[in-house]
Amino acid sequence: MRLTRSPSPPARTPPPRAPQVPGLKTTYEILKPGQGGTAITKGSQGTLHATGVVKESGGVRKKFWSTKDPGQQPFTCQYGVGQVITGWDQGCLGMTVGEERKLTIPADEGYGAKGFPAWGIPPGATLEFTLECLKIQ
């Protein structure tokens, strides 16, 4: 009598991880490529539409801010120089006009252990921003 083994089930391949912003834990996903050309670089000024959500337990997302809401305007700042939270500041580098990008920012590269209560961001919150690059100066 000859015994044979059942074939092993195929190995599960984990889903691909979103690329990390160099030197950070923040990850990004390009949702729509930009037009190419000039990109946001350290020290350049960019204008973006942005929607921010808190990623809560159980996969629930709670919006805390959007430049597309009534009465809001696109957000402009200088990038790569610390004017905004670290994950956003570094996560926008390389964007070109027309690009849409999603950033996932861990607490230590966002609002940290204190959170930002005025916007409903709890301590230790992971943030997700969907961004659209409108203009680069």
N, C-alpha and C. Protein backbone atom coordinates (compact mmCIF):
# COMPACT_ATOMS: atom_id res chain seq x y z
N MET A 1 0.84 -1.17 0.00
CA MET A 1 0.00 0.00 0.00
C MET A 1 0.89 1.24 0.00
N ARG A 2 0.54 2.15 -0.85
CA ARG A 2 1.34 3.38 -0.99
C ARG A 2 0.54 4.56 -0.44
N LEU A 3 1.15 5.30 0.46
CA LEU A 3 0.49 6.48 1.04
C LEU A 3 0.98 7.72 0.31
N THR A 4 0.07 8.59 0.01
CA THR A 4 0.45 9.85 -0.64
C THR A 4 -0.05 11.00 0.21
N ARG A 5 0.65 12.05 0.11
CA ARG A 5 0.25 13.27 0.84
C ARG A 5 -0.69 14.09 -0.02
N SER A 6 -1.58 14.74 0.67
CA SER A 6 -2.44 15.70 -0.03
C SER A 6 -1.59 16.90 -0.39
N PRO A 7 -1.87 17.48 -1.54
CA PRO A 7 -1.09 18.69 -1.87
C PRO A 7 -1.38 19.79 -0.86
N SER A 8 -0.36 20.55 -0.55
CA SER A 8 -0.52 21.68 0.37
C SER A 8 -1.37 22.75 -0.28
N PRO A 9 -2.20 23.44 0.53
CA PRO A 9 -2.97 24.54 -0.05
C PRO A 9 -2.02 25.64 -0.50
N PRO A 10 -2.42 26.39 -1.50
CA PRO A 10 -1.52 27.46 -1.95
C PRO A 10 -1.27 28.47 -0.83
N ALA A 11 -0.06 28.97 -0.79
CA ALA A 11 0.30 29.96 0.23
C ALA A 11 -0.50 31.24 0.00
N ARG A 12 -0.93 31.80 1.09
CA ARG A 12 -1.66 33.07 0.99
C ARG A 12 -0.67 34.21 0.85
N THR A 13 -0.92 35.01 -0.12
CA THR A 13 -0.08 36.18 -0.34
C THR A 13 -0.76 37.37 0.31
N PRO A 14 -0.06 38.03 1.25
CA PRO A 14 -0.69 39.20 1.86
C PRO A 14 -0.93 40.28 0.82
N PRO A 15 -1.95 41.11 1.05
CA PRO A 15 -2.18 42.18 0.09
C PRO A 15 -0.97 43.12 0.06
N PRO A 16 -0.71 43.73 -1.08
CA PRO A 16 0.45 44.64 -1.16
C PRO A 16 0.27 45.80 -0.19
N ARG A 17 1.35 46.18 0.42
CA ARG A 17 1.32 47.31 1.35
C ARG A 17 1.47 48.61 0.58
N ALA A 18 0.78 49.63 1.06
CA ALA A 18 0.93 50.95 0.45
C ALA A 18 2.36 51.42 0.68
N PRO A 19 2.93 52.14 -0.29
CA PRO A 19 4.29 52.65 -0.09
C PRO A 19 4.35 53.60 1.10
N GLN A 20 5.48 53.58 1.78
CA GLN A 20 5.69 54.49 2.91
C GLN A 20 6.37 55.75 2.41
N VAL A 21 6.03 56.86 3.07
CA VAL A 21 6.73 58.11 2.83
C VAL A 21 8.15 57.89 3.36
N PRO A 22 9.19 58.21 2.59
CA PRO A 22 10.56 57.95 3.03
C PRO A 22 10.85 58.51 4.43
N GLY A 23 11.35 57.62 5.29
CA GLY A 23 11.73 58.01 6.65
C GLY A 23 10.58 58.08 7.64
N LEU A 24 9.35 57.76 7.20
CA LEU A 24 8.18 57.85 8.08
C LEU A 24 7.39 56.55 8.08
N LYS A 25 6.42 56.49 8.99
CA LYS A 25 5.47 55.37 9.02
C LYS A 25 4.23 55.69 8.17
N THR A 26 4.04 56.95 7.83
CA THR A 26 2.92 57.36 6.99
C THR A 26 3.00 56.64 5.65
N THR A 27 1.83 56.15 5.18
CA THR A 27 1.77 55.50 3.88
C THR A 27 0.91 56.33 2.94
N TYR A 28 1.08 56.07 1.64
CA TYR A 28 0.27 56.79 0.66
C TYR A 28 -0.17 55.85 -0.45
N GLU A 29 -1.26 56.26 -1.08
CA GLU A 29 -1.77 55.53 -2.23
C GLU A 29 -2.16 56.57 -3.26
N ILE A 30 -1.67 56.43 -4.47
CA ILE A 30 -2.04 57.36 -5.55
C ILE A 30 -3.36 56.87 -6.13
N LEU A 31 -4.40 57.67 -5.95
CA LEU A 31 -5.73 57.31 -6.42
C LEU A 31 -5.93 57.70 -7.88
N LYS A 32 -5.29 58.80 -8.27
CA LYS A 32 -5.37 59.28 -9.65
C LYS A 32 -4.05 59.99 -9.96
N PRO A 33 -3.36 59.57 -11.02
CA PRO A 33 -2.09 60.23 -11.35
C PRO A 33 -2.31 61.70 -11.74
N GLY A 34 -1.28 62.48 -11.49
CA GLY A 34 -1.33 63.89 -11.87
C GLY A 34 -0.94 64.09 -13.32
N GLN A 35 -0.81 65.36 -13.68
CA GLN A 35 -0.50 65.73 -15.06
C GLN A 35 1.00 65.71 -15.34
N GLY A 36 1.78 65.40 -14.32
CA GLY A 36 3.24 65.44 -14.49
C GLY A 36 3.73 66.88 -14.37
N GLY A 37 4.94 67.10 -14.76
CA GLY A 37 5.51 68.45 -14.68
C GLY A 37 5.97 68.76 -13.27
N THR A 38 5.80 69.99 -12.86
CA THR A 38 6.26 70.45 -11.56
C THR A 38 5.59 69.67 -10.43
N ALA A 39 6.40 69.29 -9.46
CA ALA A 39 5.89 68.55 -8.30
C ALA A 39 6.10 69.38 -7.04
N ILE A 40 5.34 69.05 -6.01
CA ILE A 40 5.55 69.69 -4.71
C ILE A 40 6.90 69.21 -4.18
N THR A 41 7.77 70.15 -3.87
CA THR A 41 9.09 69.86 -3.32
C THR A 41 9.26 70.64 -2.02
N LYS A 42 10.30 70.30 -1.27
CA LYS A 42 10.56 71.00 -0.01
C LYS A 42 10.66 72.50 -0.27
N GLY A 43 9.83 73.25 0.45
CA GLY A 43 9.84 74.70 0.34
C GLY A 43 8.83 75.26 -0.65
N SER A 44 8.26 74.41 -1.51
CA SER A 44 7.28 74.94 -2.47
C SER A 44 5.92 75.08 -1.80
N GLN A 45 5.11 75.93 -2.39
CA GLN A 45 3.76 76.16 -1.87
C GLN A 45 2.77 75.42 -2.76
N GLY A 46 1.86 74.70 -2.12
CA GLY A 46 0.86 73.95 -2.88
C GLY A 46 -0.53 74.23 -2.34
N THR A 47 -1.51 74.17 -3.23
CA THR A 47 -2.91 74.35 -2.87
C THR A 47 -3.62 73.03 -3.16
N LEU A 48 -4.31 72.52 -2.16
CA LEU A 48 -4.95 71.22 -2.28
C LEU A 48 -6.38 71.24 -1.74
N HIS A 49 -7.21 70.37 -2.30
CA HIS A 49 -8.46 70.00 -1.66
C HIS A 49 -8.09 68.87 -0.72
N ALA A 50 -8.72 68.83 0.44
CA ALA A 50 -8.40 67.79 1.41
C ALA A 50 -9.65 67.39 2.18
N THR A 51 -9.75 66.10 2.45
CA THR A 51 -10.78 65.58 3.35
C THR A 51 -10.06 64.71 4.36
N GLY A 52 -10.28 65.01 5.64
CA GLY A 52 -9.63 64.26 6.71
C GLY A 52 -10.63 63.44 7.49
N VAL A 53 -10.26 62.19 7.76
CA VAL A 53 -11.09 61.31 8.58
C VAL A 53 -10.23 60.67 9.65
N VAL A 54 -10.89 60.36 10.77
CA VAL A 54 -10.25 59.59 11.83
C VAL A 54 -10.60 58.14 11.57
N LYS A 55 -9.59 57.27 11.55
CA LYS A 55 -9.84 55.83 11.42
C LYS A 55 -10.08 55.29 12.83
N GLU A 56 -11.30 54.87 13.09
CA GLU A 56 -11.66 54.37 14.41
C GLU A 56 -11.67 52.85 14.42
N SER A 57 -11.82 52.28 15.60
CA SER A 57 -11.83 50.82 15.72
C SER A 57 -12.96 50.23 14.89
N GLY A 58 -12.75 49.03 14.42
CA GLY A 58 -13.76 48.35 13.62
C GLY A 58 -13.84 48.88 12.19
N GLY A 59 -12.85 49.67 11.76
CA GLY A 59 -12.83 50.16 10.40
C GLY A 59 -13.73 51.36 10.14
N VAL A 60 -14.35 51.89 11.20
CA VAL A 60 -15.23 53.05 11.06
C VAL A 60 -14.38 54.29 10.79
N ARG A 61 -14.85 55.14 9.89
CA ARG A 61 -14.15 56.39 9.58
C ARG A 61 -15.07 57.55 9.89
N LYS A 62 -14.52 58.56 10.56
CA LYS A 62 -15.32 59.72 10.95
C LYS A 62 -14.66 60.98 10.38
N LYS A 63 -15.36 61.64 9.45
CA LYS A 63 -14.82 62.86 8.83
C LYS A 63 -14.76 63.98 9.87
N PHE A 64 -13.62 64.70 9.89
CA PHE A 64 -13.49 65.85 10.78
C PHE A 64 -13.29 67.16 10.03
N TRP A 65 -12.97 67.08 8.72
CA TRP A 65 -12.71 68.32 7.98
C TRP A 65 -12.68 68.03 6.49
N SER A 66 -13.19 68.96 5.70
CA SER A 66 -13.06 68.87 4.25
C SER A 66 -13.10 70.25 3.64
N THR A 67 -12.17 70.51 2.74
CA THR A 67 -12.16 71.79 2.03
C THR A 67 -13.30 71.85 1.02
N LYS A 68 -13.95 70.73 0.77
CA LYS A 68 -15.07 70.70 -0.18
C LYS A 68 -16.41 70.95 0.50
N ASP A 69 -16.41 71.05 1.82
CA ASP A 69 -17.66 71.36 2.54
C ASP A 69 -18.07 72.81 2.28
N PRO A 70 -19.37 73.10 2.37
CA PRO A 70 -19.83 74.49 2.18
C PRO A 70 -19.07 75.46 3.09
N GLY A 71 -18.67 76.57 2.52
CA GLY A 71 -17.96 77.61 3.28
C GLY A 71 -16.47 77.39 3.41
N GLN A 72 -15.96 76.24 2.95
CA GLN A 72 -14.53 75.95 3.04
C GLN A 72 -13.85 76.27 1.71
N GLN A 73 -12.54 76.45 1.77
CA GLN A 73 -11.75 76.73 0.57
C GLN A 73 -10.56 75.78 0.51
N PRO A 74 -9.97 75.59 -0.66
CA PRO A 74 -8.75 74.77 -0.74
C PRO A 74 -7.69 75.27 0.24
N PHE A 75 -6.85 74.35 0.69
CA PHE A 75 -5.84 74.62 1.70
C PHE A 75 -4.49 74.87 1.03
N THR A 76 -3.83 75.95 1.42
CA THR A 76 -2.53 76.31 0.87
C THR A 76 -1.51 76.40 2.00
N CYS A 77 -0.34 75.81 1.79
CA CYS A 77 0.76 75.97 2.74
C CYS A 77 2.07 75.67 2.02
N GLN A 78 3.16 75.89 2.74
CA GLN A 78 4.49 75.58 2.24
C GLN A 78 4.82 74.17 2.74
N TYR A 79 5.32 73.31 1.87
CA TYR A 79 5.53 71.90 2.20
C TYR A 79 6.98 71.56 2.50
N GLY A 80 7.15 70.55 3.34
CA GLY A 80 8.47 70.06 3.68
C GLY A 80 9.21 70.89 4.69
N VAL A 81 8.51 71.85 5.32
CA VAL A 81 9.18 72.75 6.26
C VAL A 81 8.49 72.78 7.63
N GLY A 82 7.55 71.87 7.88
CA GLY A 82 6.95 71.76 9.20
C GLY A 82 5.77 72.67 9.50
N GLN A 83 5.11 73.23 8.49
CA GLN A 83 3.95 74.10 8.75
C GLN A 83 2.71 73.32 9.14
N VAL A 84 2.67 72.02 8.83
CA VAL A 84 1.52 71.16 9.13
C VAL A 84 2.05 69.88 9.79
N ILE A 85 1.14 68.98 10.19
CA ILE A 85 1.58 67.74 10.82
C ILE A 85 2.56 66.98 9.92
N THR A 86 3.47 66.26 10.53
CA THR A 86 4.57 65.61 9.80
C THR A 86 4.11 64.72 8.66
N GLY A 87 3.13 63.85 8.91
CA GLY A 87 2.67 62.93 7.87
C GLY A 87 2.16 63.64 6.63
N TRP A 88 1.43 64.74 6.84
CA TRP A 88 0.90 65.53 5.73
C TRP A 88 2.05 66.29 5.05
N ASP A 89 2.88 66.94 5.86
CA ASP A 89 3.98 67.76 5.37
C ASP A 89 4.88 66.97 4.41
N GLN A 90 5.26 65.79 4.82
CA GLN A 90 6.16 64.97 4.00
C GLN A 90 5.40 64.13 2.98
N GLY A 91 4.15 63.77 3.30
CA GLY A 91 3.35 62.91 2.43
C GLY A 91 2.88 63.57 1.15
N CYS A 92 2.92 64.90 1.09
CA CYS A 92 2.50 65.62 -0.11
C CYS A 92 3.66 65.85 -1.08
N LEU A 93 4.89 65.66 -0.60
CA LEU A 93 6.04 65.87 -1.48
C LEU A 93 5.96 64.93 -2.67
N GLY A 94 6.19 65.46 -3.84
CA GLY A 94 6.14 64.67 -5.07
C GLY A 94 4.81 64.72 -5.80
N MET A 95 3.77 65.27 -5.16
CA MET A 95 2.48 65.37 -5.85
C MET A 95 2.57 66.36 -7.01
N THR A 96 1.82 66.08 -8.07
CA THR A 96 1.73 67.01 -9.20
C THR A 96 0.28 67.45 -9.36
N VAL A 97 0.07 68.52 -10.09
CA VAL A 97 -1.28 69.05 -10.30
C VAL A 97 -2.17 67.97 -10.90
N GLY A 98 -3.35 67.84 -10.33
CA GLY A 98 -4.33 66.85 -10.78
C GLY A 98 -4.24 65.53 -10.04
N GLU A 99 -3.14 65.29 -9.33
CA GLU A 99 -2.98 64.03 -8.60
C GLU A 99 -3.92 63.97 -7.41
N GLU A 100 -4.48 62.80 -7.19
CA GLU A 100 -5.25 62.53 -5.98
C GLU A 100 -4.51 61.44 -5.22
N ARG A 101 -4.32 61.67 -3.93
CA ARG A 101 -3.51 60.78 -3.11
C ARG A 101 -4.19 60.59 -1.76
N LYS A 102 -4.10 59.38 -1.23
CA LYS A 102 -4.62 59.12 0.12
C LYS A 102 -3.43 58.86 1.03
N LEU A 103 -3.37 59.61 2.14
CA LEU A 103 -2.34 59.42 3.15
C LEU A 103 -2.96 58.75 4.36
N THR A 104 -2.27 57.78 4.93
CA THR A 104 -2.67 57.19 6.20
C THR A 104 -1.56 57.54 7.18
N ILE A 105 -1.92 58.33 8.19
CA ILE A 105 -0.95 58.93 9.09
C ILE A 105 -1.13 58.40 10.51
N PRO A 106 -0.11 57.69 11.05
CA PRO A 106 -0.22 57.21 12.43
C PRO A 106 -0.15 58.39 13.39
N ALA A 107 -0.64 58.16 14.59
CA ALA A 107 -0.75 59.23 15.59
C ALA A 107 0.55 60.00 15.80
N ASP A 108 1.69 59.28 15.88
CA ASP A 108 2.94 59.98 16.18
C ASP A 108 3.44 60.86 15.04
N GLU A 109 2.82 60.77 13.88
CA GLU A 109 3.14 61.67 12.77
C GLU A 109 1.95 62.56 12.43
N GLY A 110 0.94 62.51 13.33
CA GLY A 110 -0.26 63.34 13.20
C GLY A 110 -0.38 64.25 14.41
N TYR A 111 -1.47 64.07 15.18
CA TYR A 111 -1.70 64.92 16.35
C TYR A 111 -1.28 64.27 17.66
N GLY A 112 -0.70 63.06 17.60
CA GLY A 112 -0.06 62.44 18.75
C GLY A 112 -0.98 62.04 19.88
N ALA A 113 -0.38 61.95 21.06
CA ALA A 113 -1.08 61.48 22.26
C ALA A 113 -2.13 62.47 22.76
N LYS A 114 -2.03 63.72 22.34
CA LYS A 114 -3.01 64.72 22.79
C LYS A 114 -4.22 64.81 21.87
N GLY A 115 -4.07 64.37 20.61
CA GLY A 115 -5.15 64.52 19.67
C GLY A 115 -5.37 65.99 19.33
N PHE A 116 -6.53 66.29 18.79
CA PHE A 116 -6.91 67.67 18.48
C PHE A 116 -8.40 67.78 18.76
N PRO A 117 -8.76 67.93 20.06
CA PRO A 117 -10.16 67.89 20.48
C PRO A 117 -11.07 68.88 19.74
N ALA A 118 -10.56 70.04 19.37
CA ALA A 118 -11.39 71.04 18.69
C ALA A 118 -11.96 70.50 17.37
N TRP A 119 -11.28 69.54 16.76
CA TRP A 119 -11.74 68.95 15.50
C TRP A 119 -12.30 67.54 15.72
N GLY A 120 -12.41 67.11 16.97
CA GLY A 120 -12.92 65.78 17.26
C GLY A 120 -11.92 64.67 17.00
N ILE A 121 -10.64 65.01 17.02
CA ILE A 121 -9.59 64.00 16.81
C ILE A 121 -9.13 63.52 18.18
N PRO A 122 -9.41 62.25 18.52
CA PRO A 122 -9.04 61.75 19.84
C PRO A 122 -7.54 61.51 19.98
N PRO A 123 -7.07 61.39 21.22
CA PRO A 123 -5.65 61.06 21.44
C PRO A 123 -5.30 59.74 20.75
N GLY A 124 -4.12 59.70 20.16
CA GLY A 124 -3.62 58.47 19.54
C GLY A 124 -4.31 58.07 18.24
N ALA A 125 -5.00 59.00 17.60
CA ALA A 125 -5.78 58.67 16.40
C ALA A 125 -4.92 58.51 15.15
N THR A 126 -5.28 57.50 14.35
CA THR A 126 -4.73 57.35 13.00
C THR A 126 -5.63 58.16 12.08
N LEU A 127 -5.00 58.96 11.22
CA LEU A 127 -5.75 59.84 10.32
C LEU A 127 -5.60 59.38 8.88
N GLU A 128 -6.61 59.68 8.10
CA GLU A 128 -6.58 59.39 6.67
C GLU A 128 -7.00 60.66 5.95
N PHE A 129 -6.15 61.13 5.05
CA PHE A 129 -6.46 62.32 4.26
C PHE A 129 -6.52 61.94 2.79
N THR A 130 -7.59 62.35 2.13
CA THR A 130 -7.68 62.23 0.68
C THR A 130 -7.41 63.62 0.12
N LEU A 131 -6.39 63.72 -0.71
CA LEU A 131 -5.91 65.01 -1.19
C LEU A 131 -5.98 65.10 -2.72
N GLU A 132 -6.22 66.31 -3.21
CA GLU A 132 -6.19 66.58 -4.64
C GLU A 132 -5.36 67.83 -4.86
N CYS A 133 -4.27 67.70 -5.59
CA CYS A 133 -3.37 68.83 -5.84
C CYS A 133 -3.96 69.73 -6.92
N LEU A 134 -4.21 71.00 -6.56
CA LEU A 134 -4.82 71.95 -7.47
C LEU A 134 -3.83 72.90 -8.12
N LYS A 135 -2.79 73.28 -7.33
CA LYS A 135 -1.87 74.32 -7.81
C LYS A 135 -0.56 74.22 -7.05
N ILE A 136 0.55 74.48 -7.74
CA ILE A 136 1.86 74.50 -7.12
C ILE A 136 2.56 75.79 -7.51
N GLN A 137 3.11 76.50 -6.50
CA GLN A 137 3.85 77.73 -6.77
C GLN A 137 5.28 77.55 -6.35
